[in-house]
Structures are given as structure tokens and as C-alpha cells.
Amino acid sequence: MSTKYIEVGTIIVALIILWLLLVFIQNPIALIINSIIAIVIMFLLNAIFGLGIPINIITILIVAIGGIVGLLLIIILRLMKIAFV
């Protein structure tokens, strides 16, 4: 895979996350609920399916800020063995 595609994909993901954050900042209750649900799902995925996502300050911050989208990003990076290995 060319690095050009990875860079374009990274920019697209960053723009989607930025858009979602702007939407959630307008409604902070939705951001808090999304973050709590994502953190609970992350713990359950580790406990039930054994994904092996490390629970540390970095992953908690990504999931707390990004919510479900942040969790999906962590899972994708973990399964592709790019990060969180």
C-alpha cells in the first residue's frame, strides 16, 4: 500500500473526528455519554473477546475524547498491528 493512500486516509479520519468533536461540543451531555459508553465497550471487548487492547492513559484519553469513533480507530490500528500491539 502506498504511503499516499495512508496519508489521505489519515486526513479523512482526522476530519471526521474533528467534525464529530464539533458536533459533540455543542452538546456536552452527548459527549459525556458517548465517552462513557465507549470506555465501557472497550473494557467489555477486552474481557469478552480478548482483543488485547492495552488499558493505559493513552487509550483511555483517545476513547474518552473520540468516543465510539476513537474506539473504532484503536481497534482498527490494533488489528492491523500498526499501534497498540
N, C-alpha and C. Protein backbone atom coordinates (compact mmCIF):
# COMPACT_ATOMS: atom_id res chain seq x y z
N MET A 1 0.84 -1.17 0.00
CA MET A 1 0.00 0.00 0.00
C MET A 1 0.89 1.24 0.00
N SER A 2 0.55 2.16 -0.84
CA SER A 2 1.34 3.38 -0.97
C SER A 2 1.13 4.28 0.24
N THR A 3 2.18 5.02 0.58
CA THR A 3 2.06 5.93 1.71
C THR A 3 1.10 7.07 1.40
N LYS A 4 0.89 7.35 0.11
CA LYS A 4 -0.04 8.40 -0.27
C LYS A 4 -1.45 8.05 0.21
N TYR A 5 -1.85 6.77 0.05
CA TYR A 5 -3.18 6.35 0.48
C TYR A 5 -3.31 6.40 2.00
N ILE A 6 -2.24 6.06 2.68
CA ILE A 6 -2.27 6.11 4.14
C ILE A 6 -2.42 7.55 4.61
N GLU A 7 -1.71 8.48 3.98
CA GLU A 7 -1.80 9.89 4.35
C GLU A 7 -3.19 10.44 4.08
N VAL A 8 -3.75 10.10 2.94
CA VAL A 8 -5.10 10.58 2.60
C VAL A 8 -6.11 9.99 3.57
N GLY A 9 -5.97 8.71 3.88
CA GLY A 9 -6.88 8.07 4.84
C GLY A 9 -6.78 8.70 6.21
N THR A 10 -5.56 9.03 6.63
CA THR A 10 -5.36 9.66 7.93
C THR A 10 -6.01 11.03 7.97
N ILE A 11 -5.89 11.79 6.91
CA ILE A 11 -6.51 13.12 6.85
C ILE A 11 -8.03 13.00 6.88
N ILE A 12 -8.58 12.03 6.17
CA ILE A 12 -10.03 11.84 6.17
C ILE A 12 -10.52 11.46 7.55
N VAL A 13 -9.82 10.55 8.22
CA VAL A 13 -10.21 10.14 9.58
C VAL A 13 -10.11 11.33 10.53
N ALA A 14 -9.06 12.12 10.41
CA ALA A 14 -8.89 13.29 11.28
C ALA A 14 -10.02 14.30 11.06
N LEU A 15 -10.42 14.51 9.82
CA LEU A 15 -11.51 15.45 9.54
C LEU A 15 -12.84 14.93 10.08
N ILE A 16 -13.07 13.64 9.98
CA ILE A 16 -14.30 13.07 10.53
C ILE A 16 -14.32 13.22 12.05
N ILE A 17 -13.20 12.95 12.69
CA ILE A 17 -13.12 13.09 14.14
C ILE A 17 -13.31 14.54 14.55
N LEU A 18 -12.71 15.46 13.81
CA LEU A 18 -12.88 16.88 14.10
C LEU A 18 -14.34 17.29 13.98
N TRP A 19 -14.99 16.83 12.92
CA TRP A 19 -16.40 17.15 12.74
C TRP A 19 -17.24 16.60 13.88
N LEU A 20 -16.98 15.35 14.27
CA LEU A 20 -17.73 14.74 15.38
C LEU A 20 -17.50 15.49 16.69
N LEU A 21 -16.27 15.90 16.92
CA LEU A 21 -15.99 16.67 18.15
C LEU A 21 -16.73 17.99 18.15
N LEU A 22 -16.78 18.65 17.00
CA LEU A 22 -17.51 19.92 16.93
C LEU A 22 -19.00 19.71 17.19
N VAL A 23 -19.55 18.62 16.68
CA VAL A 23 -20.96 18.32 16.92
C VAL A 23 -21.19 18.04 18.40
N PHE A 24 -20.30 17.25 19.02
CA PHE A 24 -20.48 16.89 20.41
C PHE A 24 -20.18 18.04 21.36
N ILE A 25 -19.31 18.96 20.98
CA ILE A 25 -19.01 20.10 21.86
C ILE A 25 -20.23 20.99 22.02
N GLN A 26 -21.05 21.03 20.98
CA GLN A 26 -22.27 21.83 21.07
C GLN A 26 -23.25 21.23 22.07
N ASN A 27 -23.14 19.95 22.32
CA ASN A 27 -23.98 19.27 23.29
C ASN A 27 -23.08 18.43 24.21
N PRO A 28 -22.59 19.02 25.31
CA PRO A 28 -21.61 18.31 26.15
C PRO A 28 -22.17 17.05 26.81
N ILE A 29 -23.47 16.99 27.06
CA ILE A 29 -24.05 15.79 27.66
C ILE A 29 -23.88 14.60 26.71
N ALA A 30 -24.07 14.83 25.41
CA ALA A 30 -23.90 13.76 24.42
C ALA A 30 -22.44 13.30 24.39
N LEU A 31 -21.50 14.22 24.53
CA LEU A 31 -20.08 13.87 24.54
C LEU A 31 -19.75 13.00 25.75
N ILE A 32 -20.29 13.36 26.90
CA ILE A 32 -20.02 12.59 28.11
C ILE A 32 -20.62 11.19 28.01
N ILE A 33 -21.85 11.10 27.52
CA ILE A 33 -22.50 9.79 27.37
C ILE A 33 -21.75 8.93 26.36
N ASN A 34 -21.35 9.53 25.24
CA ASN A 34 -20.61 8.81 24.21
C ASN A 34 -19.28 8.29 24.76
N SER A 35 -18.61 9.10 25.54
CA SER A 35 -17.32 8.70 26.11
C SER A 35 -17.48 7.56 27.11
N ILE A 36 -18.48 7.65 27.96
CA ILE A 36 -18.70 6.60 28.96
C ILE A 36 -19.07 5.28 28.28
N ILE A 37 -19.94 5.34 27.29
CA ILE A 37 -20.33 4.13 26.57
C ILE A 37 -19.13 3.51 25.87
N ALA A 38 -18.28 4.33 25.24
CA ALA A 38 -17.11 3.82 24.53
C ALA A 38 -16.12 3.18 25.49
N ILE A 39 -15.90 3.77 26.66
CA ILE A 39 -14.97 3.20 27.64
C ILE A 39 -15.50 1.85 28.15
N VAL A 40 -16.80 1.78 28.41
CA VAL A 40 -17.40 0.52 28.87
C VAL A 40 -17.27 -0.54 27.78
N ILE A 41 -17.54 -0.18 26.54
CA ILE A 41 -17.42 -1.13 25.43
C ILE A 41 -15.97 -1.61 25.29
N MET A 42 -15.00 -0.70 25.47
CA MET A 42 -13.61 -1.09 25.36
C MET A 42 -13.26 -2.13 26.43
N PHE A 43 -13.70 -1.92 27.66
CA PHE A 43 -13.44 -2.89 28.71
C PHE A 43 -14.13 -4.23 28.42
N LEU A 44 -15.36 -4.17 27.92
CA LEU A 44 -16.08 -5.40 27.60
C LEU A 44 -15.44 -6.16 26.44
N LEU A 45 -14.97 -5.43 25.43
CA LEU A 45 -14.30 -6.09 24.30
C LEU A 45 -13.04 -6.81 24.76
N ASN A 46 -12.31 -6.19 25.66
CA ASN A 46 -11.12 -6.84 26.20
C ASN A 46 -11.47 -8.05 27.04
N ALA A 47 -12.52 -7.93 27.84
CA ALA A 47 -12.88 -9.02 28.74
C ALA A 47 -13.52 -10.19 28.00
N ILE A 48 -14.42 -9.89 27.06
CA ILE A 48 -15.17 -10.96 26.39
C ILE A 48 -14.41 -11.54 25.21
N PHE A 49 -13.93 -10.67 24.33
CA PHE A 49 -13.30 -11.14 23.10
C PHE A 49 -11.78 -11.22 23.18
N GLY A 50 -11.20 -10.67 24.22
CA GLY A 50 -9.75 -10.73 24.39
C GLY A 50 -8.99 -10.05 23.27
N LEU A 51 -9.40 -8.84 22.89
CA LEU A 51 -8.72 -8.12 21.82
C LEU A 51 -7.29 -7.74 22.19
N GLY A 52 -7.02 -7.63 23.45
CA GLY A 52 -5.66 -7.30 23.87
C GLY A 52 -5.32 -5.83 23.74
N ILE A 53 -6.33 -4.98 23.76
CA ILE A 53 -6.08 -3.54 23.71
C ILE A 53 -5.53 -3.13 25.08
N PRO A 54 -4.35 -2.53 25.10
CA PRO A 54 -3.79 -2.14 26.40
C PRO A 54 -4.62 -1.02 27.04
N ILE A 55 -4.91 -1.18 28.30
CA ILE A 55 -5.64 -0.15 29.04
C ILE A 55 -4.60 0.72 29.72
N ASN A 56 -4.32 1.86 29.11
CA ASN A 56 -3.38 2.81 29.70
C ASN A 56 -3.93 4.22 29.47
N ILE A 57 -3.18 5.21 29.88
CA ILE A 57 -3.66 6.59 29.81
C ILE A 57 -3.90 7.03 28.37
N ILE A 58 -3.09 6.56 27.44
CA ILE A 58 -3.23 6.96 26.04
C ILE A 58 -4.54 6.42 25.46
N THR A 59 -4.81 5.14 25.65
CA THR A 59 -6.03 4.56 25.09
C THR A 59 -7.28 5.14 25.76
N ILE A 60 -7.21 5.35 27.06
CA ILE A 60 -8.35 5.94 27.77
C ILE A 60 -8.62 7.35 27.25
N LEU A 61 -7.57 8.16 27.04
CA LEU A 61 -7.76 9.51 26.53
C LEU A 61 -8.33 9.51 25.11
N ILE A 62 -7.83 8.62 24.27
CA ILE A 62 -8.34 8.55 22.89
C ILE A 62 -9.81 8.17 22.90
N VAL A 63 -10.17 7.19 23.71
CA VAL A 63 -11.57 6.76 23.77
C VAL A 63 -12.44 7.81 24.46
N ALA A 64 -11.92 8.47 25.48
CA ALA A 64 -12.71 9.49 26.17
C ALA A 64 -12.97 10.70 25.28
N ILE A 65 -11.99 11.07 24.49
CA ILE A 65 -12.17 12.23 23.61
C ILE A 65 -12.90 11.84 22.33
N GLY A 66 -12.53 10.72 21.75
CA GLY A 66 -13.11 10.32 20.47
C GLY A 66 -14.38 9.52 20.58
N GLY A 67 -14.66 8.96 21.75
CA GLY A 67 -15.87 8.18 21.92
C GLY A 67 -15.83 6.89 21.11
N ILE A 68 -16.94 6.56 20.50
CA ILE A 68 -17.06 5.34 19.71
C ILE A 68 -16.11 5.38 18.51
N VAL A 69 -15.97 6.55 17.90
CA VAL A 69 -15.05 6.69 16.76
C VAL A 69 -13.61 6.44 17.20
N GLY A 70 -13.24 6.97 18.35
CA GLY A 70 -11.90 6.73 18.88
C GLY A 70 -11.66 5.26 19.19
N LEU A 71 -12.67 4.60 19.72
CA LEU A 71 -12.57 3.18 20.00
C LEU A 71 -12.41 2.38 18.70
N LEU A 72 -13.18 2.72 17.68
CA LEU A 72 -13.04 2.04 16.39
C LEU A 72 -11.65 2.25 15.80
N LEU A 73 -11.13 3.46 15.95
CA LEU A 73 -9.78 3.74 15.47
C LEU A 73 -8.74 2.89 16.19
N ILE A 74 -8.87 2.76 17.49
CA ILE A 74 -7.94 1.93 18.26
C ILE A 74 -8.05 0.47 17.85
N ILE A 75 -9.28 -0.01 17.66
CA ILE A 75 -9.47 -1.41 17.26
C ILE A 75 -8.86 -1.66 15.88
N ILE A 76 -9.09 -0.75 14.95
CA ILE A 76 -8.53 -0.91 13.60
C ILE A 76 -7.01 -0.90 13.64
N LEU A 77 -6.43 0.05 14.37
CA LEU A 77 -4.97 0.11 14.47
C LEU A 77 -4.41 -1.12 15.16
N ARG A 78 -5.12 -1.65 16.13
CA ARG A 78 -4.68 -2.86 16.85
C ARG A 78 -4.74 -4.08 15.93
N LEU A 79 -5.82 -4.24 15.18
CA LEU A 79 -5.97 -5.39 14.31
C LEU A 79 -5.00 -5.35 13.13
N MET A 80 -4.65 -4.14 12.67
CA MET A 80 -3.68 -4.01 11.58
C MET A 80 -2.26 -4.06 12.09
N LYS A 81 -2.09 -4.15 13.41
CA LYS A 81 -0.79 -4.20 14.08
C LYS A 81 0.09 -2.98 13.76
N ILE A 82 -0.58 -1.83 13.69
CA ILE A 82 0.14 -0.57 13.48
C ILE A 82 0.47 0.07 14.82
N ALA A 83 -0.48 0.01 15.75
CA ALA A 83 -0.26 0.60 17.07
C ALA A 83 -0.97 -0.26 18.11
N PHE A 84 -0.67 -0.02 19.37
CA PHE A 84 -1.29 -0.72 20.50
C PHE A 84 -1.03 -2.22 20.43
N VAL A 85 0.14 -2.60 19.99
CA VAL A 85 0.49 -4.02 19.85
C VAL A 85 1.09 -4.51 21.15
